[in-house]
Protein backbone atom coordinates (compact mmCIF):
# COMPACT_ATOMS: atom_id res chain seq x y z
CA MET A 1 -37.51 152.56 162.71
CA ALA A 2 -40.05 151.35 160.11
CA ILE A 3 -40.18 152.50 156.49
CA GLU A 4 -43.19 154.69 155.80
CA GLY A 5 -44.95 155.71 152.48
CA ALA A 6 -43.39 159.23 152.74
CA ASP A 7 -39.86 157.78 152.93
CA VAL A 8 -40.64 155.57 149.76
CA ILE A 9 -41.92 158.53 147.90
CA ARG A 10 -38.97 160.81 148.91
CA ALA A 11 -36.37 157.94 147.76
CA ALA A 12 -38.32 157.41 144.43
CA ALA A 13 -38.11 161.18 143.87
CA LEU A 14 -34.43 161.27 144.47
CA LEU A 15 -33.68 158.21 142.43
CA GLY A 16 -35.85 159.80 139.62
CA ALA A 17 -33.68 162.96 139.83
CA GLY A 18 -30.47 161.05 139.48
CA ILE A 19 -31.71 159.06 136.53
CA ALA A 20 -33.22 162.21 134.93
CA MET A 21 -29.65 164.07 135.01
CA GLY A 22 -28.00 160.84 134.09
CA PHE A 23 -29.88 160.18 130.86
CA GLY A 24 -30.29 163.91 130.36
CA ALA A 25 -26.62 164.55 130.32
CA ILE A 26 -25.87 161.78 127.85
CA GLY A 27 -27.57 163.11 124.88
CA PRO A 28 -26.22 166.80 124.90
CA GLY A 29 -22.74 165.52 125.63
CA VAL A 30 -22.55 163.15 122.69
CA GLY A 31 -24.55 165.61 120.41
CA GLU A 32 -22.13 168.57 121.31
CA GLY A 33 -19.05 166.41 120.83
CA PHE A 34 -20.16 165.26 117.52
CA ALA A 35 -21.03 168.76 116.38
CA ALA A 36 -17.68 170.13 117.65
CA GLY A 37 -15.87 167.35 115.85
CA LYS A 38 -17.55 167.99 112.58
CA ALA A 39 -16.99 171.74 112.94
CA CYS A 40 -13.37 170.97 113.28
CA GLU A 41 -13.36 168.91 110.24
CA GLY A 42 -15.12 171.62 108.34
CA ILE A 43 -12.66 174.33 109.47
CA ALA A 44 -9.78 171.95 108.39
CA ARG A 45 -11.29 171.59 104.95
CA ARG A 46 -12.20 175.34 104.34
CA PRO A 47 -10.49 177.54 106.86
CA GLU A 48 -11.99 180.62 105.13
CA GLU A 49 -15.36 179.72 106.37
CA GLN A 50 -14.23 179.45 110.01
CA GLY A 51 -16.57 182.14 111.32
CA LEU A 52 -19.76 180.76 109.70
CA LEU A 53 -18.99 177.06 110.84
CA THR A 54 -18.18 178.32 114.38
CA ARG A 55 -21.40 180.40 114.76
CA THR A 56 -23.42 177.50 113.33
CA MET A 57 -21.86 175.11 115.70
CA LEU A 58 -22.33 177.18 118.72
CA ILE A 59 -26.03 177.76 117.78
CA GLY A 60 -26.54 173.87 117.22
CA GLN A 61 -24.88 173.12 120.71
CA ALA A 62 -27.12 175.74 122.38
CA VAL A 63 -30.15 174.00 121.04
CA SER A 64 -28.64 170.59 122.05
CA GLU A 65 -27.96 171.86 125.62
CA SER A 66 -31.56 172.67 126.14
CA THR A 67 -32.52 169.15 126.54
CA GLY A 68 -29.88 168.73 129.45
CA ILE A 69 -31.35 172.06 130.99
CA TYR A 70 -34.83 170.57 130.83
CA SER A 71 -33.62 167.46 132.69
CA LEU A 72 -31.89 169.66 135.19
CA VAL A 73 -35.33 171.35 135.81
CA ILE A 74 -37.03 168.03 136.29
CA ALA A 75 -34.41 166.75 138.69
CA VAL A 76 -34.66 170.14 140.73
CA ILE A 77 -38.37 169.85 140.94
CA LEU A 78 -38.18 166.12 142.01
CA ILE A 79 -35.65 167.05 144.77
CA PHE A 80 -37.19 170.17 146.16
CA VAL A 81 -40.89 170.12 145.16
CA VAL A 82 -41.98 166.34 145.93
CA LYS A 83 -42.61 166.18 149.48
CA ALA A 84 -44.39 163.29 151.11
């Protein structure tokens, strides 16, 4: 059983998908955790602003999560579209 060019391309696509999701999940995870922590600090300091802080935090987390979704799209394209 010999390794052909198509096998190498498929292996590279699967490896690229894994790397895309790995790096693509680190950024949103750190960013959302940092935002949630700072929102908790803000609510602890000014509880009367809880609604505004929570709403702002959730909007920021949604924007941060978009990079993770982009990496998921790239990974899915690499897995299902790249054929050799």
